[in-house]
PDB file of N, CA and C in Angstrom:
ATOM      1  N   MET A   1       0.843  -1.184   0.000  1.00  0.00           N
ATOM      2  CA  MET A   1       0.000   0.000   0.000  1.00  0.00           C
ATOM      3  C   MET A   1       0.883   1.240   0.000  1.00  0.00           C
ATOM      4  N   THR A   2       0.444   2.256  -0.706  1.00  0.00           N
ATOM      5  CA  THR A   2       1.161   3.521  -0.778  1.00  0.00           C
ATOM      6  C   THR A   2       0.714   4.429   0.364  1.00  0.00           C
ATOM      7  N   ASP A   3       1.680   4.964   1.094  1.00  0.00           N
ATOM      8  CA  ASP A   3       1.412   5.933   2.152  1.00  0.00           C
ATOM      9  C   ASP A   3       1.696   7.327   1.614  1.00  0.00           C
ATOM     10  N   VAL A   4       0.782   8.253   1.882  1.00  0.00           N
ATOM     11  CA  VAL A   4       0.911   9.632   1.416  1.00  0.00           C
ATOM     12  C   VAL A   4       0.700  10.573   2.595  1.00  0.00           C
ATOM     13  N   ALA A   5       1.608  11.533   2.762  1.00  0.00           N
ATOM     14  CA  ALA A   5       1.481  12.564   3.793  1.00  0.00           C
ATOM     15  C   ALA A   5       0.868  13.805   3.154  1.00  0.00           C
ATOM     16  N   LEU A   6      -0.128  14.396   3.820  1.00  0.00           N
ATOM     17  CA  LEU A   6      -0.801  15.585   3.309  1.00  0.00           C
ATOM     18  C   LEU A   6      -0.713  16.724   4.308  1.00  0.00           C
ATOM     19  N   ALA A   7      -0.464  17.929   3.790  1.00  0.00           N
ATOM     20  CA  ALA A   7      -0.405  19.134   4.617  1.00  0.00           C
ATOM     21  C   ALA A   7      -1.696  19.911   4.463  1.00  0.00           C
ATOM     22  N   LEU A   8      -2.477  19.981   5.516  1.00  0.00           N
ATOM     23  CA  LEU A   8      -3.686  20.796   5.538  1.00  0.00           C
ATOM     24  C   LEU A   8      -3.283  22.113   6.181  1.00  0.00           C
ATOM     25  N   ILE A   9      -2.743  23.013   5.359  1.00  0.00           N
ATOM     26  CA  ILE A   9      -2.204  24.281   5.845  1.00  0.00           C
ATOM     27  C   ILE A   9      -3.367  25.247   6.047  1.00  0.00           C
ATOM     28  N   ARG A  10      -3.460  25.799   7.223  1.00  0.00           N
ATOM     29  CA  ARG A  10      -4.590  26.679   7.544  1.00  0.00           C
ATOM     30  C   ARG A  10      -4.105  28.069   7.941  1.00  0.00           C
ATOM     31  N   ARG A  11      -4.921  29.035   7.545  1.00  0.00           N
ATOM     32  CA  ARG A  11      -4.692  30.428   7.939  1.00  0.00           C
ATOM     33  C   ARG A  11      -6.024  31.157   7.927  1.00  0.00           C
ATOM     34  N   GLU A  12      -6.332  31.792   9.030  1.00  0.00           N
ATOM     35  CA  GLU A  12      -7.505  32.659   9.129  1.00  0.00           C
ATOM     36  C   GLU A  12      -8.778  31.998   8.570  1.00  0.00           C
ATOM     37  N   GLY A  13      -9.004  30.739   8.943  1.00  0.00           N
ATOM     38  CA  GLY A  13     -10.215  30.045   8.532  1.00  0.00           C
ATOM     39  C   GLY A  13     -10.207  29.540   7.105  1.00  0.00           C
ATOM     40  N   ARG A  14      -9.066  29.567   6.461  1.00  0.00           N
ATOM     41  CA  ARG A  14      -8.942  29.089   5.080  1.00  0.00           C
ATOM     42  C   ARG A  14      -7.826  28.055   5.002  1.00  0.00           C
ATOM     43  N   CYS A  15      -7.893  27.218   3.965  1.00  0.00           N
ATOM     44  CA  CYS A  15      -6.872  26.200   3.744  1.00  0.00           C
ATOM     45  C   CYS A  15      -6.233  26.379   2.375  1.00  0.00           C
ATOM     46  N   PHE A  16      -4.984  26.022   2.292  1.00  0.00           N
ATOM     47  CA  PHE A  16      -4.227  26.120   1.042  1.00  0.00           C
ATOM     48  C   PHE A  16      -4.450  24.866   0.195  1.00  0.00           C
ATOM     49  N   LEU A  17      -4.780  25.078  -1.061  1.00  0.00           N
ATOM     50  CA  LEU A  17      -4.857  23.991  -2.038  1.00  0.00           C
ATOM     51  C   LEU A  17      -4.135  24.430  -3.301  1.00  0.00           C
ATOM     52  N   GLN A  18      -3.628  23.453  -4.022  1.00  0.00           N
ATOM     53  CA  GLN A  18      -3.017  23.724  -5.322  1.00  0.00           C
ATOM     54  C   GLN A  18      -3.667  22.813  -6.355  1.00  0.00           C
ATOM     55  N   ARG A  19      -3.626  23.246  -7.600  1.00  0.00           N
ATOM     56  CA  ARG A  19      -4.279  22.485  -8.670  1.00  0.00           C
ATOM     57  C   ARG A  19      -3.248  21.692  -9.448  1.00  0.00           C
ATOM     58  N   ARG A  20      -3.491  20.397  -9.562  1.00  0.00           N
ATOM     59  CA  ARG A  20      -2.600  19.550 -10.330  1.00  0.00           C
ATOM     60  C   ARG A  20      -2.601  19.996 -11.791  1.00  0.00           C
ATOM     61  N   ALA A  21      -1.474  19.871 -12.439  1.00  0.00           N
ATOM     62  CA  ALA A  21      -1.372  20.253 -13.846  1.00  0.00           C
ATOM     63  C   ALA A  21      -2.303  19.394 -14.696  1.00  0.00           C
ATOM     64  N   ALA A  22      -2.860  19.986 -15.728  1.00  0.00           N
ATOM     65  CA  ALA A  22      -3.755  19.258 -16.629  1.00  0.00           C
ATOM     66  C   ALA A  22      -3.031  18.113 -17.325  1.00  0.00           C
ATOM     67  N   ALA A  23      -1.724  18.235 -17.487  1.00  0.00           N
ATOM     68  CA  ALA A  23      -0.935  17.189 -18.147  1.00  0.00           C
ATOM     69  C   ALA A  23      -0.512  16.077 -17.189  1.00  0.00           C
ATOM     70  N   ASN A  24      -0.782  16.224 -15.909  1.00  0.00           N
ATOM     71  CA  ASN A  24      -0.405  15.199 -14.940  1.00  0.00           C
ATOM     72  C   ASN A  24      -1.227  13.939 -15.217  1.00  0.00           C
ATOM     73  N   PRO A  25      -0.571  12.777 -15.330  1.00  0.00           N
ATOM     74  CA  PRO A  25      -1.322  11.553 -15.626  1.00  0.00           C
ATOM     75  C   PRO A  25      -2.186  11.064 -14.456  1.00  0.00           C
ATOM     76  N   VAL A  26      -1.916  11.551 -13.254  1.00  0.00           N
ATOM     77  CA  VAL A  26      -2.684  11.142 -12.079  1.00  0.00           C
ATOM     78  C   VAL A  26      -3.539  12.321 -11.610  1.00  0.00           C
ATOM     79  N   LEU A  27      -4.843  12.159 -11.612  1.00  0.00           N
ATOM     80  CA  LEU A  27      -5.787  13.168 -11.139  1.00  0.00           C
ATOM     81  C   LEU A  27      -5.565  14.549 -11.773  1.00  0.00           C
ATOM     82  N   PRO A  28      -5.472  14.615 -13.099  1.00  0.00           N
ATOM     83  CA  PRO A  28      -5.182  15.896 -13.760  1.00  0.00           C
ATOM     84  C   PRO A  28      -6.239  16.957 -13.465  1.00  0.00           C
ATOM     85  N   GLY A  29      -5.750  18.167 -13.165  1.00  0.00           N
ATOM     86  CA  GLY A  29      -6.622  19.312 -12.977  1.00  0.00           C
ATOM     87  C   GLY A  29      -7.379  19.380 -11.666  1.00  0.00           C
ATOM     88  N   LEU A  30      -7.219  18.384 -10.794  1.00  0.00           N
ATOM     89  CA  LEU A  30      -7.938  18.417  -9.517  1.00  0.00           C
ATOM     90  C   LEU A  30      -7.183  19.270  -8.502  1.00  0.00           C
ATOM     91  N   TRP A  31      -7.950  19.886  -7.605  1.00  0.00           N
ATOM     92  CA  TRP A  31      -7.379  20.676  -6.521  1.00  0.00           C
ATOM     93  C   TRP A  31      -7.071  19.745  -5.360  1.00  0.00           C
ATOM     94  N   GLU A  32      -5.921  19.959  -4.711  1.00  0.00           N
ATOM     95  CA  GLU A  32      -5.527  19.062  -3.630  1.00  0.00           C
ATOM     96  C   GLU A  32      -4.665  19.772  -2.606  1.00  0.00           C
ATOM     97  N   PHE A  33      -4.557  19.116  -1.457  1.00  0.00           N
ATOM     98  CA  PHE A  33      -3.643  19.575  -0.417  1.00  0.00           C
ATOM     99  C   PHE A  33      -2.240  19.156  -0.817  1.00  0.00           C
ATOM    100  N   PRO A  34      -1.211  19.972  -0.541  1.00  0.00           N
ATOM    101  CA  PRO A  34       0.146  19.556  -0.890  1.00  0.00           C
ATOM    102  C   PRO A  34       0.582  18.349  -0.068  1.00  0.00           C
ATOM    103  N   GLY A  35       1.452  17.582  -0.643  1.00  0.00           N
ATOM    104  CA  GLY A  35       1.969  16.395   0.028  1.00  0.00           C
ATOM    105  C   GLY A  35       2.483  15.414  -0.987  1.00  0.00           C
ATOM    106  N   GLY A  36       2.763  14.209  -0.524  1.00  0.00           N
ATOM    107  CA  GLY A  36       3.280  13.201  -1.438  1.00  0.00           C
ATOM    108  C   GLY A  36       3.608  11.906  -0.734  1.00  0.00           C
ATOM    109  N   LYS A  37       4.164  11.021  -1.520  1.00  0.00           N
ATOM    110  CA  LYS A  37       4.459   9.668  -1.044  1.00  0.00           C
ATOM    111  C   LYS A  37       5.492   9.662   0.067  1.00  0.00           C
ATOM    112  N   VAL A  38       5.259   8.779   1.017  1.00  0.00           N
ATOM    113  CA  VAL A  38       6.212   8.536   2.098  1.00  0.00           C
ATOM    114  C   VAL A  38       7.221   7.524   1.566  1.00  0.00           C
ATOM    115  N   GLU A  39       8.495   7.893   1.555  1.00  0.00           N
ATOM    116  CA  GLU A  39       9.551   6.995   1.096  1.00  0.00           C
ATOM    117  C   GLU A  39       9.791   5.908   2.143  1.00  0.00           C
ATOM    118  N   PRO A  40      10.336   4.748   1.723  1.00  0.00           N
ATOM    119  CA  PRO A  40      10.525   3.630   2.663  1.00  0.00           C
ATOM    120  C   PRO A  40      11.312   3.989   3.924  1.00  0.00           C
ATOM    121  N   SER A  41      12.250   4.917   3.819  1.00  0.00           N
ATOM    122  CA  SER A  41      13.075   5.254   4.985  1.00  0.00           C
ATOM    123  C   SER A  41      12.508   6.420   5.798  1.00  0.00           C
ATOM    124  N   GLU A  42      11.315   6.921   5.460  1.00  0.00           N
ATOM    125  CA  GLU A  42      10.751   8.103   6.117  1.00  0.00           C
ATOM    126  C   GLU A  42       9.563   7.780   7.012  1.00  0.00           C
ATOM    127  N   THR A  43       9.347   8.659   7.965  1.00  0.00           N
ATOM    128  CA  THR A  43       8.087   8.672   8.698  1.00  0.00           C
ATOM    129  C   THR A  43       7.143   9.587   7.914  1.00  0.00           C
ATOM    130  N   PRO A  44       5.846   9.492   8.140  1.00  0.00           N
ATOM    131  CA  PRO A  44       4.940  10.428   7.464  1.00  0.00           C
ATOM    132  C   PRO A  44       5.279  11.902   7.749  1.00  0.00           C
ATOM    133  N   LEU A  45       5.688  12.215   8.977  1.00  0.00           N
ATOM    134  CA  LEU A  45       6.037  13.596   9.307  1.00  0.00           C
ATOM    135  C   LEU A  45       7.277  14.053   8.532  1.00  0.00           C
ATOM    136  N   ALA A  46       8.277  13.195   8.407  1.00  0.00           N
ATOM    137  CA  ALA A  46       9.474  13.541   7.627  1.00  0.00           C
ATOM    138  C   ALA A  46       9.115  13.738   6.156  1.00  0.00           C
ATOM    139  N   ALA A  47       8.237  12.896   5.635  1.00  0.00           N
ATOM    140  CA  ALA A  47       7.794  13.041   4.244  1.00  0.00           C
ATOM    141  C   ALA A  47       7.058  14.362   4.063  1.00  0.00           C
ATOM    142  N   LEU A  48       6.234  14.714   5.035  1.00  0.00           N
ATOM    143  CA  LEU A  48       5.498  15.974   4.980  1.00  0.00           C
ATOM    144  C   LEU A  48       6.464  17.153   4.899  1.00  0.00           C
ATOM    145  N   ARG A  49       7.464  17.144   5.748  1.00  0.00           N
ATOM    146  CA  ARG A  49       8.468  18.229   5.759  1.00  0.00           C
ATOM    147  C   ARG A  49       9.154  18.324   4.394  1.00  0.00           C
ATOM    148  N   ARG A  50       9.577  17.193   3.856  1.00  0.00           N
ATOM    149  CA  ARG A  50      10.258  17.157   2.551  1.00  0.00           C
ATOM    150  C   ARG A  50       9.333  17.640   1.439  1.00  0.00           C
ATOM    151  N   GLU A  51       8.108  17.136   1.412  1.00  0.00           N
ATOM    152  CA  GLU A  51       7.167  17.481   0.346  1.00  0.00           C
ATOM    153  C   GLU A  51       6.791  18.969   0.375  1.00  0.00           C
ATOM    154  N   LEU A  52       6.634  19.543   1.559  1.00  0.00           N
ATOM    155  CA  LEU A  52       6.327  20.972   1.635  1.00  0.00           C
ATOM    156  C   LEU A  52       7.441  21.806   1.006  1.00  0.00           C
ATOM    157  N   LEU A  53       8.680  21.440   1.293  1.00  0.00           N
ATOM    158  CA  LEU A  53       9.799  22.160   0.696  1.00  0.00           C
ATOM    159  C   LEU A  53       9.837  21.962  -0.817  1.00  0.00           C
ATOM    160  N   GLU A  54       9.652  20.718  -1.270  1.00  0.00           N
ATOM    161  CA  GLU A  54       9.718  20.418  -2.697  1.00  0.00           C
ATOM    162  C   GLU A  54       8.568  21.043  -3.481  1.00  0.00           C
ATOM    163  N   GLU A  55       7.368  20.952  -2.962  1.00  0.00           N
ATOM    164  CA  GLU A  55       6.193  21.370  -3.723  1.00  0.00           C
ATOM    165  C   GLU A  55       5.886  22.856  -3.649  1.00  0.00           C
ATOM    166  N   VAL A  56       6.022  23.442  -2.465  1.00  0.00           N
ATOM    167  CA  VAL A  56       5.607  24.843  -2.304  1.00  0.00           C
ATOM    168  C   VAL A  56       6.654  25.718  -1.608  1.00  0.00           C
ATOM    169  N   ALA A  57       7.859  25.193  -1.402  1.00  0.00           N
ATOM    170  CA  ALA A  57       8.966  25.939  -0.807  1.00  0.00           C
ATOM    171  C   ALA A  57       8.593  26.555   0.539  1.00  0.00           C
ATOM    172  N   MET A  58       7.882  25.784   1.363  1.00  0.00           N
ATOM    173  CA  MET A  58       7.496  26.253   2.700  1.00  0.00           C
ATOM    174  C   MET A  58       8.122  25.361   3.761  1.00  0.00           C
ATOM    175  N   GLU A  59       8.543  26.004   4.846  1.00  0.00           N
ATOM    176  CA  GLU A  59       9.073  25.274   5.995  1.00  0.00           C
ATOM    177  C   GLU A  59       7.905  24.811   6.865  1.00  0.00           C
ATOM    178  N   LEU A  60       8.009  23.617   7.375  1.00  0.00           N
ATOM    179  CA  LEU A  60       6.978  23.084   8.259  1.00  0.00           C
ATOM    180  C   LEU A  60       7.079  23.743   9.619  1.00  0.00           C
ATOM    181  N   GLY A  61       5.958  24.298  10.094  1.00  0.00           N
ATOM    182  CA  GLY A  61       5.873  24.830  11.451  1.00  0.00           C
ATOM    183  C   GLY A  61       5.264  23.751  12.322  1.00  0.00           C
ATOM    184  N   ALA A  62       4.273  24.106  13.096  1.00  0.00           N
ATOM    185  CA  ALA A  62       3.580  23.127  13.933  1.00  0.00           C
ATOM    186  C   ALA A  62       2.760  22.187  13.054  1.00  0.00           C
ATOM    187  N   ALA A  63       2.728  20.916  13.431  1.00  0.00           N
ATOM    188  CA  ALA A  63       1.953  19.919  12.682  1.00  0.00           C
ATOM    189  C   ALA A  63       1.256  18.990  13.663  1.00  0.00           C
ATOM    190  N   THR A  64      -0.041  18.815  13.471  1.00  0.00           N
ATOM    191  CA  THR A  64      -0.835  17.924  14.305  1.00  0.00           C
ATOM    192  C   THR A  64      -1.410  16.828  13.427  1.00  0.00           C
ATOM    193  N   ALA A  65      -1.101  15.586  13.770  1.00  0.00           N
ATOM    194  CA  ALA A  65      -1.609  14.458  12.989  1.00  0.00           C
ATOM    195  C   ALA A  65      -3.116  14.313  13.179  1.00  0.00           C
ATOM    196  N   LEU A  66      -3.813  14.102  12.079  1.00  0.00           N
ATOM    197  CA  LEU A  66      -5.243  13.798  12.086  1.00  0.00           C
ATOM    198  C   LEU A  66      -5.402  12.302  11.855  1.00  0.00           C
ATOM    199  N   PRO A  67      -6.589  11.758  12.032  1.00  0.00           N
ATOM    200  CA  PRO A  67      -6.767  10.318  11.818  1.00  0.00           C
ATOM    201  C   PRO A  67      -6.358   9.895  10.398  1.00  0.00           C
ATOM    202  N   VAL A  68      -5.668   8.772  10.332  1.00  0.00           N
ATOM    203  CA  VAL A  68      -5.238   8.207   9.051  1.00  0.00           C
ATOM    204  C   VAL A  68      -6.454   7.677   8.313  1.00  0.00           C
ATOM    205  N   LEU A  69      -6.486   7.935   6.997  1.00  0.00           N
ATOM    206  CA  LEU A  69      -7.578   7.455   6.156  1.00  0.00           C
ATOM    207  C   LEU A  69      -7.089   6.290   5.308  1.00  0.00           C
ATOM    208  N   GLN A  70      -7.692   5.130   5.518  1.00  0.00           N
ATOM    209  CA  GLN A  70      -7.324   3.930   4.763  1.00  0.00           C
ATOM    210  C   GLN A  70      -8.180   3.840   3.508  1.00  0.00           C
ATOM    211  N   GLY A  71      -7.586   3.457   2.419  1.00  0.00           N
ATOM    212  CA  GLY A  71      -8.278   3.276   1.152  1.00  0.00           C
ATOM    213  C   GLY A  71      -7.285   2.704   0.169  1.00  0.00           C
ATOM    214  N   PRO A  72      -7.488   2.942  -1.105  1.00  0.00           N
ATOM    215  CA  PRO A  72      -6.500   2.478  -2.082  1.00  0.00           C
ATOM    216  C   PRO A  72      -5.123   3.069  -1.798  1.00  0.00           C
ATOM    217  N   VAL A  73      -5.121   4.270  -1.198  1.00  0.00           N
ATOM    218  CA  VAL A  73      -3.908   4.937  -0.734  1.00  0.00           C
ATOM    219  C   VAL A  73      -4.137   5.256   0.738  1.00  0.00           C
ATOM    220  N   CYS A  74      -3.125   5.089   1.552  1.00  0.00           N
ATOM    221  CA  CYS A  74      -3.225   5.395   2.978  1.00  0.00           C
ATOM    222  C   CYS A  74      -2.795   6.848   3.190  1.00  0.00           C
ATOM    223  N   LEU A  75      -3.765   7.711   3.535  1.00  0.00           N
ATOM    224  CA  LEU A  75      -3.486   9.132   3.719  1.00  0.00           C
ATOM    225  C   LEU A  75      -3.160   9.450   5.170  1.00  0.00           C
ATOM    226  N   HIS A  76      -2.064  10.162   5.356  1.00  0.00           N
ATOM    227  CA  HIS A  76      -1.625  10.633   6.670  1.00  0.00           C
ATOM    228  C   HIS A  76      -1.766  12.151   6.670  1.00  0.00           C
ATOM    229  N   PRO A  77      -2.945  12.679   7.032  1.00  0.00           N
ATOM    230  CA  PRO A  77      -3.138  14.127   7.008  1.00  0.00           C
ATOM    231  C   PRO A  77      -2.603  14.780   8.284  1.00  0.00           C
ATOM    232  N   PHE A  78      -2.062  15.966   8.106  1.00  0.00           N
ATOM    233  CA  PHE A  78      -1.567  16.764   9.230  1.00  0.00           C
ATOM    234  C   PHE A  78      -2.145  18.161   9.116  1.00  0.00           C
ATOM    235  N   LEU A  79      -2.655  18.678  10.214  1.00  0.00           N
ATOM    236  CA  LEU A  79      -3.053  20.070  10.292  1.00  0.00           C
ATOM    237  C   LEU A  79      -1.767  20.857  10.497  1.00  0.00           C
ATOM    238  N   VAL A  80      -1.495  21.811   9.625  1.00  0.00           N
ATOM    239  CA  VAL A  80      -0.166  22.424   9.569  1.00  0.00           C
ATOM    240  C   VAL A  80      -0.237  23.942   9.674  1.00  0.00           C
ATOM    241  N   ASP A  81       0.714  24.479  10.406  1.00  0.00           N
ATOM    242  CA  ASP A  81       1.007  25.906  10.375  1.00  0.00           C
ATOM    243  C   ASP A  81       2.360  26.022   9.676  1.00  0.00           C
ATOM    244  N   ALA A  82       2.400  26.777   8.590  1.00  0.00           N
ATOM    245  CA  ALA A  82       3.637  26.943   7.831  1.00  0.00           C
ATOM    246  C   ALA A  82       3.803  28.428   7.532  1.00  0.00           C
ATOM    247  N   PRO A  83       4.901  29.011   7.995  1.00  0.00           N
ATOM    248  CA  PRO A  83       5.102  30.444   7.760  1.00  0.00           C
ATOM    249  C   PRO A  83       5.454  30.727   6.297  1.00  0.00           C
ATOM    250  N   GLY A  84       5.278  31.966   5.893  1.00  0.00           N
ATOM    251  CA  GLY A  84       5.662  32.386   4.553  1.00  0.00           C
ATOM    252  C   GLY A  84       4.572  32.136   3.526  1.00  0.00           C
ATOM    253  N   GLN A  85       4.876  32.510   2.305  1.00  0.00           N
ATOM    254  CA  GLN A  85       3.946  32.323   1.204  1.00  0.00           C
ATOM    255  C   GLN A  85       4.400  31.160   0.332  1.00  0.00           C
ATOM    256  N   PRO A  86       3.446  30.386  -0.165  1.00  0.00           N
ATOM    257  CA  PRO A  86       3.812  29.276  -1.041  1.00  0.00           C
ATOM    258  C   PRO A  86       4.418  29.783  -2.351  1.00  0.00           C
ATOM    259  N   ARG A  87       5.359  29.018  -2.865  1.00  0.00           N
ATOM    260  CA  ARG A  87       5.949  29.306  -4.168  1.00  0.00           C
ATOM    261  C   ARG A  87       5.817  28.041  -5.009  1.00  0.00           C
ATOM    262  N   THR A  88       4.987  28.127  -6.033  1.00  0.00           N
ATOM    263  CA  THR A  88       4.744  26.992  -6.908  1.00  0.00           C
ATOM    264  C   THR A  88       4.319  27.503  -8.272  1.00  0.00           C
ATOM    265  N   ASP A  89       4.587  26.731  -9.303  1.00  0.00           N
ATOM    266  CA  ASP A  89       4.159  27.086 -10.653  1.00  0.00           C
ATOM    267  C   ASP A  89       2.712  26.681 -10.902  1.00  0.00           C
ATOM    268  N   LEU A  90       2.139  25.897 -10.002  1.00  0.00           N
ATOM    269  CA  LEU A  90       0.755  25.457 -10.150  1.00  0.00           C
ATOM    270  C   LEU A  90      -0.204  26.553  -9.693  1.00  0.00           C
ATOM    271  N   ALA A  91      -1.446  26.478 -10.159  1.00  0.00           N
ATOM    272  CA  ALA A  91      -2.475  27.378  -9.632  1.00  0.00           C
ATOM    273  C   ALA A  91      -2.685  27.021  -8.166  1.00  0.00           C
ATOM    274  N   TRP A  92      -2.947  28.026  -7.338  1.00  0.00           N
ATOM    275  CA  TRP A  92      -3.148  27.771  -5.917  1.00  0.00           C
ATOM    276  C   TRP A  92      -4.006  28.863  -5.307  1.00  0.00           C
ATOM    277  N   GLY A  93      -4.450  28.615  -4.092  1.00  0.00           N
ATOM    278  CA  GLY A  93      -5.235  29.610  -3.384  1.00  0.00           C
ATOM    279  C   GLY A  93      -5.555  29.173  -1.976  1.00  0.00           C
ATOM    280  N   TRP A  94      -6.148  30.114  -1.231  1.00  0.00           N
ATOM    281  CA  TRP A  94      -6.609  29.880   0.138  1.00  0.00           C
ATOM    282  C   TRP A  94      -8.131  29.825   0.073  1.00  0.00           C
ATOM    283  N   PHE A  95      -8.731  28.726   0.540  1.00  0.00           N
ATOM    284  CA  PHE A  95     -10.157  28.485   0.374  1.00  0.00           C
ATOM    285  C   PHE A  95     -10.850  28.173   1.694  1.00  0.00           C
ATOM    286  N   THR A  96     -12.102  28.607   1.808  1.00  0.00           N
ATOM    287  CA  THR A  96     -12.931  28.202   2.939  1.00  0.00           C
ATOM    288  C   THR A  96     -13.386  26.763   2.690  1.00  0.00           C
ATOM    289  N   LEU A  97     -13.928  26.135   3.718  1.00  0.00           N
ATOM    290  CA  LEU A  97     -14.431  24.769   3.546  1.00  0.00           C
ATOM    291  C   LEU A  97     -15.554  24.710   2.510  1.00  0.00           C
ATOM    292  N   LYS A  98     -16.409  25.703   2.513  1.00  0.00           N
ATOM    293  CA  LYS A  98     -17.498  25.749   1.536  1.00  0.00           C
ATOM    294  C   LYS A  98     -16.936  25.838   0.116  1.00  0.00           C
ATOM    295  N   GLU A  99     -15.916  26.644  -0.068  1.00  0.00           N
ATOM    296  CA  GLU A  99     -15.288  26.769  -1.387  1.00  0.00           C
ATOM    297  C   GLU A  99     -14.595  25.469  -1.795  1.00  0.00           C
ATOM    298  N   ILE A 100     -13.932  24.820  -0.839  1.00  0.00           N
ATOM    299  CA  ILE A 100     -13.257  23.551  -1.140  1.00  0.00           C
ATOM    300  C   ILE A 100     -14.283  22.509  -1.587  1.00  0.00           C
ATOM    301  N   ALA A 101     -15.415  22.453  -0.898  1.00  0.00           N
ATOM    302  CA  ALA A 101     -16.446  21.469  -1.231  1.00  0.00           C
ATOM    303  C   ALA A 101     -16.974  21.653  -2.653  1.00  0.00           C
ATOM    304  N   ALA A 102     -16.860  22.874  -3.204  1.00  0.00           N
ATOM    305  CA  ALA A 102     -17.346  23.144  -4.556  1.00  0.00           C
ATOM    306  C   ALA A 102     -16.279  22.908  -5.627  1.00  0.00           C
ATOM    307  N   LEU A 103     -15.025  22.695  -5.210  1.00  0.00           N
ATOM    308  CA  LEU A 103     -13.937  22.474  -6.164  1.00  0.00           C
ATOM    309  C   LEU A 103     -13.866  21.001  -6.573  1.00  0.00           C
ATOM    310  N   PRO A 104     -13.340  20.728  -7.767  1.00  0.00           N
ATOM    311  CA  PRO A 104     -13.069  19.332  -8.111  1.00  0.00           C
ATOM    312  C   PRO A 104     -11.832  18.865  -7.329  1.00  0.00           C
ATOM    313  N   ILE A 105     -12.035  17.976  -6.363  1.00  0.00           N
ATOM    314  CA  ILE A 105     -10.940  17.470  -5.535  1.00  0.00           C
ATOM    315  C   ILE A 105     -10.949  15.946  -5.595  1.00  0.00           C
ATOM    316  N   PRO A 106      -9.817  15.312  -5.293  1.00  0.00           N
ATOM    317  CA  PRO A 106      -9.788  13.853  -5.267  1.00  0.00           C
ATOM    318  C   PRO A 106     -10.777  13.318  -4.228  1.00  0.00           C
ATOM    319  N   PRO A 107     -11.436  12.207  -4.519  1.00  0.00           N
ATOM    320  CA  PRO A 107     -12.410  11.650  -3.571  1.00  0.00           C
ATOM    321  C   PRO A 107     -11.824  11.420  -2.173  1.00  0.00           C
ATOM    322  N   ALA A 108     -10.586  10.976  -2.100  1.00  0.00           N
ATOM    323  CA  ALA A 108      -9.977  10.739  -0.787  1.00  0.00           C
ATOM    324  C   ALA A 108      -9.826  12.036   0.002  1.00  0.00           C
ATOM    325  N   ASN A 109      -9.558  13.138  -0.692  1.00  0.00           N
ATOM    326  CA  ASN A 109      -9.431  14.423   0.008  1.00  0.00           C
ATOM    327  C   ASN A 109     -10.764  14.915   0.535  1.00  0.00           C
ATOM    328  N   ALA A 110     -11.854  14.559  -0.132  1.00  0.00           N
ATOM    329  CA  ALA A 110     -13.177  14.976   0.312  1.00  0.00           C
ATOM    330  C   ALA A 110     -13.470  14.453   1.721  1.00  0.00           C
ATOM    331  N   ALA A 111     -12.952  13.285   2.046  1.00  0.00           N
ATOM    332  CA  ALA A 111     -13.166  12.708   3.372  1.00  0.00           C
ATOM    333  C   ALA A 111     -12.493  13.545   4.467  1.00  0.00           C
ATOM    334  N   LEU A 112     -11.533  14.367   4.106  1.00  0.00           N
ATOM    335  CA  LEU A 112     -10.825  15.190   5.090  1.00  0.00           C
ATOM    336  C   LEU A 112     -11.619  16.428   5.509  1.00  0.00           C
ATOM    337  N   LEU A 113     -12.614  16.799   4.738  1.00  0.00           N
ATOM    338  CA  LEU A 113     -13.344  18.031   5.027  1.00  0.00           C
ATOM    339  C   LEU A 113     -14.023  18.001   6.392  1.00  0.00           C
ATOM    340  N   HIS A 114     -14.511  16.839   6.807  1.00  0.00           N
ATOM    341  CA  HIS A 114     -15.149  16.720   8.117  1.00  0.00           C
ATOM    342  C   HIS A 114     -14.135  17.000   9.228  1.00  0.00           C
ATOM    343  N   ASP A 115     -12.931  16.419   9.108  1.00  0.00           N
ATOM    344  CA  ASP A 115     -11.888  16.661  10.107  1.00  0.00           C
ATOM    345  C   ASP A 115     -11.470  18.136  10.114  1.00  0.00           C
ATOM    346  N   LEU A 116     -11.414  18.738   8.928  1.00  0.00           N
ATOM    347  CA  LEU A 116     -11.053  20.140   8.837  1.00  0.00           C
ATOM    348  C   LEU A 116     -12.096  21.037   9.489  1.00  0.00           C
ATOM    349  N   GLU A 117     -13.350  20.693   9.315  1.00  0.00           N
ATOM    350  CA  GLU A 117     -14.425  21.495   9.882  1.00  0.00           C
ATOM    351  C   GLU A 117     -14.286  21.592  11.397  1.00  0.00           C
ATOM    352  N   ARG A 118     -13.908  20.494  12.018  1.00  0.00           N
ATOM    353  CA  ARG A 118     -13.734  20.498  13.483  1.00  0.00           C
ATOM    354  C   ARG A 118     -12.502  21.263  13.905  1.00  0.00           C
ATOM    355  N   ALA A 119     -11.483  21.335  13.016  1.00  0.00           N
ATOM    356  CA  ALA A 119     -10.206  21.925  13.388  1.00  0.00           C
ATOM    357  C   ALA A 119     -10.117  23.424  13.107  1.00  0.00           C
ATOM    358  N   LEU A 120     -10.965  23.945  12.229  1.00  0.00           N
ATOM    359  CA  LEU A 120     -10.849  25.369  11.867  1.00  0.00           C
ATOM    360  C   LEU A 120     -11.635  26.259  12.803  1.00  0.00           C
TER     361      LEU A 120
END
């Protein structure tokens, strides 16, 4: 099974999402939380730190683990405080939960909205 660490970065009642490139063979054009695969030698938290730097050039601040979501991919979501502004070539933005629910997002990410609602 593939383990994936996700950063649910929050600020002022909004969460950061980025849009996958239309040319990406996996989930093209969908909006998602930054993150990525946990390498065999990493913990989910270490993968989260690495992926934040690689994907959006942000340093990991405080991170709180949320319940792991089991499915075709095992998601390890973290509620994250990350200072600075994201730097990425992808489309991105800060969205309310209502706005996120209206975006095309991966089905597995939709399950995170309930946890986010309690945390924001």
